Structures are given as C-alpha cells and as structure tokens.
Amino acid sequence: MSRGLAGVLIGLVRLYQLTISPLLGPRCRYWPSCSHYTAEALRVHGPLRGGWLGAKRILRCHPGADGGIDPVPGGPSERLCREDPELDEHYHHRDPDTSSPDASSR
C-alpha cells in the first residue's frame, strides 16, 4: 500500500517538474533541487518519512536561505556527496547531534 502511495506522490512531483517548474525557472537554492530531493526521499523512505523530509526541505527553501548541498539522508545523493571530494567539502553532514560547533551553520 505505501509503495503505491509513494508512486502516486512521485508521479505528482514528476508532473510538477514537467509542467510548472519550466515556467518558474530554476529557483531552488539547494542541490538536489527540492523536487528531486522530494522524489528521492519518497523512493528511499516511503510516503510518510519521505513526504515529511520533502515538506521540511520545501519550507527551508526560500529567498533568505543559504542553500547549498543537502542530500537525502541514506539516499543516493548522500552517498554521492560522501564519495566525491569536491562535493564533500561543500556538504554539511546532518548528524543528529546538534551540540557540535558546526551545528549553528546548518
């Protein structure tokens, strides 16, 4: 059941990417873009957690946001960041421990 719901939600994201996104132009401040992040989160984590991660990302993406590299936790984009030295130096690892000195820059 949840696979089917994830598929429907990914289809809606894809519909947005094909119809609305080209009209708006590139506006996302993050890599991967919010729509790609949401689709990946839905594929990796399913409709509940993936939908929650996607919604949180969309709310973080606004004109005042710093943006940057923000991969899906546990997804292919995170593995890519960890394997590529150029990406890794710009990637802020999102660890659950928010008491680290680097946590304020996230």
PDB file of N, CA and C in Angstrom:
ATOM      1  N   MET A   1       0.825  -1.203   0.000  1.00  0.00           N
ATOM      2  CA  MET A   1       0.000   0.000   0.000  1.00  0.00           C
ATOM      3  C   MET A   1       0.864   1.260   0.000  1.00  0.00           C
ATOM      4  N   SER A   2       1.876   1.296   0.882  1.00  0.00           N
ATOM      5  CA  SER A   2       2.695   2.504   0.965  1.00  0.00           C
ATOM      6  C   SER A   2       3.527   2.695  -0.296  1.00  0.00           C
ATOM      7  N   ARG A   3       3.906   1.572  -0.959  1.00  0.00           N
ATOM      8  CA  ARG A   3       4.636   1.696  -2.220  1.00  0.00           C
ATOM      9  C   ARG A   3       3.778   2.382  -3.277  1.00  0.00           C
ATOM     10  N   GLY A   4       2.506   2.011  -3.306  1.00  0.00           N
ATOM     11  CA  GLY A   4       1.588   2.619  -4.263  1.00  0.00           C
ATOM     12  C   GLY A   4       1.404   4.102  -4.005  1.00  0.00           C
ATOM     13  N   LEU A   5       1.272   4.470  -2.731  1.00  0.00           N
ATOM     14  CA  LEU A   5       1.128   5.879  -2.370  1.00  0.00           C
ATOM     15  C   LEU A   5       2.395   6.654  -2.712  1.00  0.00           C
ATOM     16  N   ALA A   6       3.553   6.062  -2.442  1.00  0.00           N
ATOM     17  CA  ALA A   6       4.818   6.715  -2.798  1.00  0.00           C
ATOM     18  C   ALA A   6       4.886   6.925  -4.306  1.00  0.00           C
ATOM     19  N   GLY A   7       4.441   5.927  -5.076  1.00  0.00           N
ATOM     20  CA  GLY A   7       4.439   6.045  -6.533  1.00  0.00           C
ATOM     21  C   GLY A   7       3.541   7.172  -7.020  1.00  0.00           C
ATOM     22  N   VAL A   8       2.379   7.303  -6.411  1.00  0.00           N
ATOM     23  CA  VAL A   8       1.456   8.390  -6.773  1.00  0.00           C
ATOM     24  C   VAL A   8       2.090   9.745  -6.453  1.00  0.00           C
ATOM     25  N   LEU A   9       2.694   9.864  -5.280  1.00  0.00           N
ATOM     26  CA  LEU A   9       3.326  11.130  -4.888  1.00  0.00           C
ATOM     27  C   LEU A   9       4.507  11.463  -5.792  1.00  0.00           C
ATOM     28  N   ILE A  10       5.302  10.457  -6.150  1.00  0.00           N
ATOM     29  CA  ILE A  10       6.417  10.683  -7.078  1.00  0.00           C
ATOM     30  C   ILE A  10       5.870  11.133  -8.429  1.00  0.00           C
ATOM     31  N   GLY A  11       4.749  10.552  -8.855  1.00  0.00           N
ATOM     32  CA  GLY A  11       4.108  10.979 -10.098  1.00  0.00           C
ATOM     33  C   GLY A  11       3.681  12.438 -10.047  1.00  0.00           C
ATOM     34  N   LEU A  12       3.166  12.877  -8.913  1.00  0.00           N
ATOM     35  CA  LEU A  12       2.778  14.288  -8.760  1.00  0.00           C
ATOM     36  C   LEU A  12       4.001  15.202  -8.803  1.00  0.00           C
ATOM     37  N   VAL A  13       5.089  14.772  -8.177  1.00  0.00           N
ATOM     38  CA  VAL A  13       6.333  15.555  -8.229  1.00  0.00           C
ATOM     39  C   VAL A  13       6.813  15.642  -9.669  1.00  0.00           C
ATOM     40  N   ARG A  14       6.767  14.517 -10.376  1.00  0.00           N
ATOM     41  CA  ARG A  14       7.205  14.494 -11.778  1.00  0.00           C
ATOM     42  C   ARG A  14       6.313  15.393 -12.639  1.00  0.00           C
ATOM     43  N   LEU A  15       5.022  15.385 -12.389  1.00  0.00           N
ATOM     44  CA  LEU A  15       4.103  16.265 -13.107  1.00  0.00           C
ATOM     45  C   LEU A  15       4.480  17.728 -12.872  1.00  0.00           C
ATOM     46  N   TYR A  16       4.790  18.078 -11.629  1.00  0.00           N
ATOM     47  CA  TYR A  16       5.257  19.431 -11.309  1.00  0.00           C
ATOM     48  C   TYR A  16       6.532  19.749 -12.099  1.00  0.00           C
ATOM     49  N   GLN A  17       7.477  18.799 -12.129  1.00  0.00           N
ATOM     50  CA  GLN A  17       8.745  19.028 -12.821  1.00  0.00           C
ATOM     51  C   GLN A  17       8.540  19.273 -14.317  1.00  0.00           C
ATOM     52  N   LEU A  18       7.568  18.610 -14.904  1.00  0.00           N
ATOM     53  CA  LEU A  18       7.346  18.724 -16.347  1.00  0.00           C
ATOM     54  C   LEU A  18       6.460  19.897 -16.738  1.00  0.00           C
ATOM     55  N   THR A  19       5.594  20.359 -15.842  1.00  0.00           N
ATOM     56  CA  THR A  19       4.630  21.394 -16.222  1.00  0.00           C
ATOM     57  C   THR A  19       4.885  22.746 -15.559  1.00  0.00           C
ATOM     58  N   ILE A  20       4.997  22.786 -14.268  1.00  0.00           N
ATOM     59  CA  ILE A  20       5.104  24.060 -13.548  1.00  0.00           C
ATOM     60  C   ILE A  20       6.541  24.547 -13.442  1.00  0.00           C
ATOM     61  N   SER A  21       7.459  23.653 -13.119  1.00  0.00           N
ATOM     62  CA  SER A  21       8.852  24.042 -12.914  1.00  0.00           C
ATOM     63  C   SER A  21       9.466  24.765 -14.120  1.00  0.00           C
ATOM     64  N   PRO A  22       9.231  24.306 -15.363  1.00  0.00           N
ATOM     65  CA  PRO A  22       9.806  25.029 -16.502  1.00  0.00           C
ATOM     66  C   PRO A  22       9.288  26.470 -16.622  1.00  0.00           C
ATOM     67  N   LEU A  23       8.068  26.708 -16.173  1.00  0.00           N
ATOM     68  CA  LEU A  23       7.510  28.061 -16.229  1.00  0.00           C
ATOM     69  C   LEU A  23       8.143  28.976 -15.184  1.00  0.00           C
ATOM     70  N   LEU A  24       8.505  28.413 -14.035  1.00  0.00           N
ATOM     71  CA  LEU A  24       9.084  29.205 -12.945  1.00  0.00           C
ATOM     72  C   LEU A  24      10.581  29.427 -13.115  1.00  0.00           C
ATOM     73  N   GLY A  25      11.245  28.511 -13.790  1.00  0.00           N
ATOM     74  CA  GLY A  25      12.692  28.598 -13.934  1.00  0.00           C
ATOM     75  C   GLY A  25      13.395  28.088 -12.687  1.00  0.00           C
ATOM     76  N   PRO A  26      14.723  28.030 -12.747  1.00  0.00           N
ATOM     77  CA  PRO A  26      15.481  27.499 -11.606  1.00  0.00           C
ATOM     78  C   PRO A  26      15.445  28.454 -10.418  1.00  0.00           C
ATOM     79  N   ARG A  27      14.819  28.052  -9.352  1.00  0.00           N
ATOM     80  CA  ARG A  27      14.691  28.892  -8.158  1.00  0.00           C
ATOM     81  C   ARG A  27      15.237  28.233  -6.902  1.00  0.00           C
ATOM     82  N   CYS A  28      15.436  26.930  -6.943  1.00  0.00           N
ATOM     83  CA  CYS A  28      15.840  26.214  -5.740  1.00  0.00           C
ATOM     84  C   CYS A  28      17.258  26.603  -5.337  1.00  0.00           C
ATOM     85  N   ARG A  29      17.467  26.777  -4.049  1.00  0.00           N
ATOM     86  CA  ARG A  29      18.755  27.184  -3.510  1.00  0.00           C
ATOM     87  C   ARG A  29      19.602  25.996  -3.082  1.00  0.00           C
ATOM     88  N   TYR A  30      19.097  24.801  -3.292  1.00  0.00           N
ATOM     89  CA  TYR A  30      19.787  23.599  -2.831  1.00  0.00           C
ATOM     90  C   TYR A  30      20.091  22.659  -3.984  1.00  0.00           C
ATOM     91  N   TRP A  31      21.014  21.749  -3.726  1.00  0.00           N
ATOM     92  CA  TRP A  31      21.250  20.604  -4.589  1.00  0.00           C
ATOM     93  C   TRP A  31      21.078  19.365  -3.743  1.00  0.00           C
ATOM     94  N   PRO A  32      20.354  18.375  -4.182  1.00  0.00           N
ATOM     95  CA  PRO A  32      19.484  18.371  -5.352  1.00  0.00           C
ATOM     96  C   PRO A  32      18.313  19.337  -5.166  1.00  0.00           C
ATOM     97  N   SER A  33      17.698  19.702  -6.273  1.00  0.00           N
ATOM     98  CA  SER A  33      16.567  20.634  -6.185  1.00  0.00           C
ATOM     99  C   SER A  33      15.488  20.052  -5.275  1.00  0.00           C
ATOM    100  N   CYS A  34      14.606  20.896  -4.800  1.00  0.00           N
ATOM    101  CA  CYS A  34      13.561  20.447  -3.865  1.00  0.00           C
ATOM    102  C   CYS A  34      12.695  19.333  -4.458  1.00  0.00           C
ATOM    103  N   SER A  35      12.366  19.435  -5.739  1.00  0.00           N
ATOM    104  CA  SER A  35      11.525  18.391  -6.334  1.00  0.00           C
ATOM    105  C   SER A  35      12.301  17.082  -6.475  1.00  0.00           C
ATOM    106  N   HIS A  36      13.572  17.148  -6.868  1.00  0.00           N
ATOM    107  CA  HIS A  36      14.378  15.932  -6.951  1.00  0.00           C
ATOM    108  C   HIS A  36      14.614  15.343  -5.558  1.00  0.00           C
ATOM    109  N   TYR A  37      14.840  16.204  -4.574  1.00  0.00           N
ATOM    110  CA  TYR A  37      15.021  15.760  -3.190  1.00  0.00           C
ATOM    111  C   TYR A  37      13.768  15.023  -2.711  1.00  0.00           C
ATOM    112  N   THR A  38      12.604  15.613  -2.957  1.00  0.00           N
ATOM    113  CA  THR A  38      11.349  15.014  -2.505  1.00  0.00           C
ATOM    114  C   THR A  38      11.110  13.667  -3.175  1.00  0.00           C
ATOM    115  N   ALA A  39      11.338  13.586  -4.490  1.00  0.00           N
ATOM    116  CA  ALA A  39      11.154  12.314  -5.192  1.00  0.00           C
ATOM    117  C   ALA A  39      12.119  11.260  -4.651  1.00  0.00           C
ATOM    118  N   GLU A  40      13.378  11.640  -4.424  1.00  0.00           N
ATOM    119  CA  GLU A  40      14.354  10.689  -3.881  1.00  0.00           C
ATOM    120  C   GLU A  40      13.965  10.260  -2.467  1.00  0.00           C
ATOM    121  N   ALA A  41      13.539  11.207  -1.643  1.00  0.00           N
ATOM    122  CA  ALA A  41      13.125  10.883  -0.273  1.00  0.00           C
ATOM    123  C   ALA A  41      11.940   9.920  -0.281  1.00  0.00           C
ATOM    124  N   LEU A  42      10.997  10.115  -1.189  1.00  0.00           N
ATOM    125  CA  LEU A  42       9.849   9.212  -1.297  1.00  0.00           C
ATOM    126  C   LEU A  42      10.288   7.814  -1.720  1.00  0.00           C
ATOM    127  N   ARG A  43      11.238   7.735  -2.666  1.00  0.00           N
ATOM    128  CA  ARG A  43      11.735   6.428  -3.112  1.00  0.00           C
ATOM    129  C   ARG A  43      12.494   5.711  -1.996  1.00  0.00           C
ATOM    130  N   VAL A  44      13.327   6.453  -1.266  1.00  0.00           N
ATOM    131  CA  VAL A  44      14.193   5.844  -0.247  1.00  0.00           C
ATOM    132  C   VAL A  44      13.436   5.540   1.038  1.00  0.00           C
ATOM    133  N   HIS A  45      12.589   6.472   1.485  1.00  0.00           N
ATOM    134  CA  HIS A  45      11.985   6.363   2.815  1.00  0.00           C
ATOM    135  C   HIS A  45      10.479   6.105   2.818  1.00  0.00           C
ATOM    136  N   GLY A  46       9.845   6.088   1.646  1.00  0.00           N
ATOM    137  CA  GLY A  46       8.408   5.842   1.600  1.00  0.00           C
ATOM    138  C   GLY A  46       7.603   7.121   1.769  1.00  0.00           C
ATOM    139  N   PRO A  47       6.265   6.999   1.713  1.00  0.00           N
ATOM    140  CA  PRO A  47       5.420   8.192   1.685  1.00  0.00           C
ATOM    141  C   PRO A  47       5.402   9.000   2.981  1.00  0.00           C
ATOM    142  N   LEU A  48       5.480   8.360   4.128  1.00  0.00           N
ATOM    143  CA  LEU A  48       5.389   9.129   5.381  1.00  0.00           C
ATOM    144  C   LEU A  48       6.679   9.887   5.675  1.00  0.00           C
ATOM    145  N   ARG A  49       7.759   9.159   5.888  1.00  0.00           N
ATOM    146  CA  ARG A  49       9.020   9.833   6.211  1.00  0.00           C
ATOM    147  C   ARG A  49       9.528  10.626   5.007  1.00  0.00           C
ATOM    148  N   GLY A  50       9.428  10.054   3.817  1.00  0.00           N
ATOM    149  CA  GLY A  50       9.870  10.755   2.613  1.00  0.00           C
ATOM    150  C   GLY A  50       9.072  12.025   2.369  1.00  0.00           C
ATOM    151  N   GLY A  51       7.759  11.945   2.575  1.00  0.00           N
ATOM    152  CA  GLY A  51       6.920  13.137   2.431  1.00  0.00           C
ATOM    153  C   GLY A  51       7.259  14.197   3.460  1.00  0.00           C
ATOM    154  N   TRP A  52       7.526  13.751   4.690  1.00  0.00           N
ATOM    155  CA  TRP A  52       7.912  14.683   5.757  1.00  0.00           C
ATOM    156  C   TRP A  52       9.248  15.352   5.429  1.00  0.00           C
ATOM    157  N   LEU A  53      10.240  14.573   4.972  1.00  0.00           N
ATOM    158  CA  LEU A  53      11.538  15.143   4.605  1.00  0.00           C
ATOM    159  C   LEU A  53      11.378  16.150   3.461  1.00  0.00           C
ATOM    160  N   GLY A  54      10.559  15.796   2.459  1.00  0.00           N
ATOM    161  CA  GLY A  54      10.333  16.695   1.335  1.00  0.00           C
ATOM    162  C   GLY A  54       9.652  17.986   1.759  1.00  0.00           C
ATOM    163  N   ALA A  55       8.647  17.879   2.631  1.00  0.00           N
ATOM    164  CA  ALA A  55       7.942  19.079   3.108  1.00  0.00           C
ATOM    165  C   ALA A  55       8.880  19.983   3.904  1.00  0.00           C
ATOM    166  N   LYS A  56       9.705  19.372   4.766  1.00  0.00           N
ATOM    167  CA  LYS A  56      10.658  20.180   5.544  1.00  0.00           C
ATOM    168  C   LYS A  56      11.646  20.890   4.622  1.00  0.00           C
ATOM    169  N   ARG A  57      12.098  20.206   3.571  1.00  0.00           N
ATOM    170  CA  ARG A  57      13.047  20.812   2.631  1.00  0.00           C
ATOM    171  C   ARG A  57      12.409  21.982   1.911  1.00  0.00           C
ATOM    172  N   ILE A  58      11.183  21.804   1.443  1.00  0.00           N
ATOM    173  CA  ILE A  58      10.490  22.871   0.716  1.00  0.00           C
ATOM    174  C   ILE A  58      10.312  24.092   1.613  1.00  0.00           C
ATOM    175  N   LEU A  59      10.017  23.884   2.886  1.00  0.00           N
ATOM    176  CA  LEU A  59       9.864  25.010   3.816  1.00  0.00           C
ATOM    177  C   LEU A  59      11.190  25.715   4.090  1.00  0.00           C
ATOM    178  N   ARG A  60      12.313  24.982   3.991  1.00  0.00           N
ATOM    179  CA  ARG A  60      13.634  25.594   4.196  1.00  0.00           C
ATOM    180  C   ARG A  60      14.087  26.400   2.989  1.00  0.00           C
ATOM    181  N   CYS A  61      13.519  26.139   1.824  1.00  0.00           N
ATOM    182  CA  CYS A  61      13.973  26.761   0.580  1.00  0.00           C
ATOM    183  C   CYS A  61      13.188  28.047   0.337  1.00  0.00           C
ATOM    184  N   HIS A  62      13.824  29.157   0.610  1.00  0.00           N
ATOM    185  CA  HIS A  62      13.198  30.462   0.414  1.00  0.00           C
ATOM    186  C   HIS A  62      14.293  31.472   0.078  1.00  0.00           C
ATOM    187  N   PRO A  63      13.946  32.679  -0.372  1.00  0.00           N
ATOM    188  CA  PRO A  63      14.957  33.646  -0.792  1.00  0.00           C
ATOM    189  C   PRO A  63      16.013  33.975   0.267  1.00  0.00           C
ATOM    190  N   GLY A  64      15.700  33.861   1.544  1.00  0.00           N
ATOM    191  CA  GLY A  64      16.684  34.163   2.579  1.00  0.00           C
ATOM    192  C   GLY A  64      17.557  32.983   2.970  1.00  0.00           C
ATOM    193  N   ALA A  65      17.302  31.812   2.398  1.00  0.00           N
ATOM    194  CA  ALA A  65      18.052  30.602   2.763  1.00  0.00           C
ATOM    195  C   ALA A  65      19.444  30.625   2.143  1.00  0.00           C
ATOM    196  N   ASP A  66      20.408  30.097   2.881  1.00  0.00           N
ATOM    197  CA  ASP A  66      21.772  29.995   2.354  1.00  0.00           C
ATOM    198  C   ASP A  66      21.855  28.967   1.240  1.00  0.00           C
ATOM    199  N   GLY A  67      21.070  27.912   1.336  1.00  0.00           N
ATOM    200  CA  GLY A  67      21.091  26.866   0.325  1.00  0.00           C
ATOM    201  C   GLY A  67      22.351  26.026   0.426  1.00  0.00           C
ATOM    202  N   GLY A  68      22.713  25.386  -0.673  1.00  0.00           N
ATOM    203  CA  GLY A  68      23.900  24.548  -0.703  1.00  0.00           C
ATOM    204  C   GLY A  68      23.552  23.105  -0.987  1.00  0.00           C
ATOM    205  N   ILE A  69      24.478  22.230  -0.657  1.00  0.00           N
ATOM    206  CA  ILE A  69      24.300  20.807  -0.894  1.00  0.00           C
ATOM    207  C   ILE A  69      23.604  20.191   0.308  1.00  0.00           C
ATOM    208  N   ASP A  70      22.462  19.566   0.062  1.00  0.00           N
ATOM    209  CA  ASP A  70      21.642  18.999   1.135  1.00  0.00           C
ATOM    210  C   ASP A  70      21.012  17.701   0.638  1.00  0.00           C
ATOM    211  N   PRO A  71      21.764  16.596   0.672  1.00  0.00           N
ATOM    212  CA  PRO A  71      21.247  15.342   0.133  1.00  0.00           C
ATOM    213  C   PRO A  71      20.239  14.665   1.051  1.00  0.00           C
ATOM    214  N   VAL A  72      19.488  13.745   0.487  1.00  0.00           N
ATOM    215  CA  VAL A  72      18.527  12.940   1.246  1.00  0.00           C
ATOM    216  C   VAL A  72      19.307  11.993   2.158  1.00  0.00           C
ATOM    217  N   PRO A  73      19.017  11.984   3.462  1.00  0.00           N
ATOM    218  CA  PRO A  73      19.712  11.062   4.368  1.00  0.00           C
ATOM    219  C   PRO A  73      19.509   9.606   3.940  1.00  0.00           C
ATOM    220  N   GLY A  74      20.608   8.900   3.765  1.00  0.00           N
ATOM    221  CA  GLY A  74      20.538   7.493   3.388  1.00  0.00           C
ATOM    222  C   GLY A  74      20.254   7.243   1.919  1.00  0.00           C
ATOM    223  N   GLY A  75      20.181   8.289   1.123  1.00  0.00           N
ATOM    224  CA  GLY A  75      19.861   8.134  -0.289  1.00  0.00           C
ATOM    225  C   GLY A  75      21.083   8.184  -1.185  1.00  0.00           C
ATOM    226  N   PRO A  76      20.885   7.978  -2.482  1.00  0.00           N
ATOM    227  CA  PRO A  76      21.993   8.015  -3.436  1.00  0.00           C
ATOM    228  C   PRO A  76      22.717   9.358  -3.469  1.00  0.00           C
ATOM    229  N   SER A  77      21.992  10.459  -3.283  1.00  0.00           N
ATOM    230  CA  SER A  77      22.655  11.766  -3.314  1.00  0.00           C
ATOM    231  C   SER A  77      23.616  11.918  -2.137  1.00  0.00           C
ATOM    232  N   GLU A  78      23.285  11.336  -0.977  1.00  0.00           N
ATOM    233  CA  GLU A  78      24.195  11.403   0.169  1.00  0.00           C
ATOM    234  C   GLU A  78      25.445  10.569  -0.096  1.00  0.00           C
ATOM    235  N   ARG A  79      25.272   9.381  -0.664  1.00  0.00           N
ATOM    236  CA  ARG A  79      26.436   8.550  -0.996  1.00  0.00           C
ATOM    237  C   ARG A  79      27.327   9.263  -2.000  1.00  0.00           C
ATOM    238  N   LEU A  80      26.725   9.926  -2.983  1.00  0.00           N
ATOM    239  CA  LEU A  80      27.494  10.668  -3.974  1.00  0.00           C
ATOM    240  C   LEU A  80      28.326  11.755  -3.306  1.00  0.00           C
ATOM    241  N   CYS A  81      27.737  12.467  -2.361  1.00  0.00           N
ATOM    242  CA  CYS A  81      28.462  13.523  -1.649  1.00  0.00           C
ATOM    243  C   CYS A  81      29.633  12.959  -0.855  1.00  0.00           C
ATOM    244  N   ARG A  82      29.432  11.831  -0.239  1.00  0.00           N
ATOM    245  CA  ARG A  82      30.498  11.225   0.573  1.00  0.00           C
ATOM    246  C   ARG A  82      31.621  10.669  -0.296  1.00  0.00           C
ATOM    247  N   GLU A  83      31.315  10.257  -1.527  1.00  0.00           N
ATOM    248  CA  GLU A  83      32.313   9.657  -2.411  1.00  0.00           C
ATOM    249  C   GLU A  83      33.068  10.684  -3.240  1.00  0.00           C
ATOM    250  N   ASP A  84      32.498  11.842  -3.487  1.00  0.00           N
ATOM    251  CA  ASP A  84      33.126  12.862  -4.334  1.00  0.00           C
ATOM    252  C   ASP A  84      33.769  13.927  -3.457  1.00  0.00           C
ATOM    253  N   PRO A  85      35.105  14.042  -3.473  1.00  0.00           N
ATOM    254  CA  PRO A  85      35.787  15.002  -2.595  1.00  0.00           C
ATOM    255  C   PRO A  85      35.352  16.451  -2.824  1.00  0.00           C
ATOM    256  N   GLU A  86      35.079  16.823  -4.075  1.00  0.00           N
ATOM    257  CA  GLU A  86      34.653  18.205  -4.337  1.00  0.00           C
ATOM    258  C   GLU A  86      33.289  18.488  -3.724  1.00  0.00           C
ATOM    259  N   LEU A  87      32.364  17.556  -3.860  1.00  0.00           N
ATOM    260  CA  LEU A  87      31.049  17.739  -3.251  1.00  0.00           C
ATOM    261  C   LEU A  87      31.152  17.675  -1.738  1.00  0.00           C
ATOM    262  N   ASP A  88      31.969  16.749  -1.231  1.00  0.00           N
ATOM    263  CA  ASP A  88      32.050  16.523   0.209  1.00  0.00           C
ATOM    264  C   ASP A  88      32.513  17.762   0.962  1.00  0.00           C
ATOM    265  N   GLU A  89      33.391  18.570   0.365  1.00  0.00           N
ATOM    266  CA  GLU A  89      33.867  19.755   1.091  1.00  0.00           C
ATOM    267  C   GLU A  89      32.791  20.834   1.216  1.00  0.00           C
ATOM    268  N   HIS A  90      31.738  20.759   0.397  1.00  0.00           N
ATOM    269  CA  HIS A  90      30.630  21.719   0.482  1.00  0.00           C
ATOM    270  C   HIS A  90      29.423  21.146   1.210  1.00  0.00           C
ATOM    271  N   TYR A  91      29.479  19.857   1.469  1.00  0.00           N
ATOM    272  CA  TYR A  91      28.343  19.141   2.063  1.00  0.00           C
ATOM    273  C   TYR A  91      28.417  19.239   3.578  1.00  0.00           C
ATOM    274  N   HIS A  92      27.352  19.727   4.187  1.00  0.00           N
ATOM    275  CA  HIS A  92      27.270  19.815   5.644  1.00  0.00           C
ATOM    276  C   HIS A  92      26.575  18.560   6.144  1.00  0.00           C
ATOM    277  N   HIS A  93      27.324  17.661   6.752  1.00  0.00           N
ATOM    278  CA  HIS A  93      26.746  16.417   7.257  1.00  0.00           C
ATOM    279  C   HIS A  93      25.701  16.744   8.310  1.00  0.00           C
ATOM    280  N   ARG A  94      24.506  16.235   8.147  1.00  0.00           N
ATOM    281  CA  ARG A  94      23.407  16.495   9.082  1.00  0.00           C
ATOM    282  C   ARG A  94      23.331  15.360  10.090  1.00  0.00           C
ATOM    283  N   ASP A  95      24.131  15.477  11.124  1.00  0.00           N
ATOM    284  CA  ASP A  95      24.135  14.464  12.171  1.00  0.00           C
ATOM    285  C   ASP A  95      23.079  14.808  13.201  1.00  0.00           C
ATOM    286  N   PRO A  96      22.525  13.806  13.876  1.00  0.00           N
ATOM    287  CA  PRO A  96      21.505  14.076  14.894  1.00  0.00           C
ATOM    288  C   PRO A  96      22.038  14.900  16.055  1.00  0.00           C
ATOM    289  N   ASP A  97      23.346  14.886  16.273  1.00  0.00           N
ATOM    290  CA  ASP A  97      23.947  15.634  17.379  1.00  0.00           C
ATOM    291  C   ASP A  97      24.010  17.113  17.005  1.00  0.00           C
ATOM    292  N   THR A  98      23.128  17.917  17.571  1.00  0.00           N
ATOM    293  CA  THR A  98      23.101  19.348  17.268  1.00  0.00           C
ATOM    294  C   THR A  98      23.973  20.148  18.216  1.00  0.00           C
ATOM    295  N   SER A  99      24.690  19.464  19.112  1.00  0.00           N
ATOM    296  CA  SER A  99      25.539  20.184  20.051  1.00  0.00           C
ATOM    297  C   SER A  99      26.927  20.431  19.489  1.00  0.00           C
ATOM    298  N   SER A 100      27.192  19.950  18.264  1.00  0.00           N
ATOM    299  CA  SER A 100      28.517  20.154  17.689  1.00  0.00           C
ATOM    300  C   SER A 100      28.698  21.619  17.324  1.00  0.00           C
ATOM    301  N   PRO A 101      29.953  22.105  17.304  1.00  0.00           N
ATOM    302  CA  PRO A 101      30.201  23.516  16.993  1.00  0.00           C
ATOM    303  C   PRO A 101      29.703  23.909  15.615  1.00  0.00           C
ATOM    304  N   ASP A 102      29.678  22.965  14.670  1.00  0.00           N
ATOM    305  CA  ASP A 102      29.250  23.264  13.311  1.00  0.00           C
ATOM    306  C   ASP A 102      27.735  23.318  13.181  1.00  0.00           C
ATOM    307  N   ALA A 103      26.997  22.922  14.197  1.00  0.00           N
ATOM    308  CA  ALA A 103      25.532  22.837  14.115  1.00  0.00           C
ATOM    309  C   ALA A 103      24.889  24.191  13.870  1.00  0.00           C
ATOM    310  N   SER A 104      25.488  25.268  14.336  1.00  0.00           N
ATOM    311  CA  SER A 104      24.875  26.588  14.158  1.00  0.00           C
ATOM    312  C   SER A 104      24.919  27.046  12.713  1.00  0.00           C
ATOM    313  N   SER A 105      25.825  26.480  11.890  1.00  0.00           N
ATOM    314  CA  SER A 105      25.916  26.900  10.500  1.00  0.00           C
ATOM    315  C   SER A 105      25.003  26.096   9.595  1.00  0.00           C
ATOM    316  N   ARG A 106      24.241  25.171  10.133  1.00  0.00           N
ATOM    317  CA  ARG A 106      23.372  24.321   9.299  1.00  0.00           C
ATOM    318  C   ARG A 106      22.114  25.011   8.947  1.00  0.00           C
TER     319      ARG A 106
END
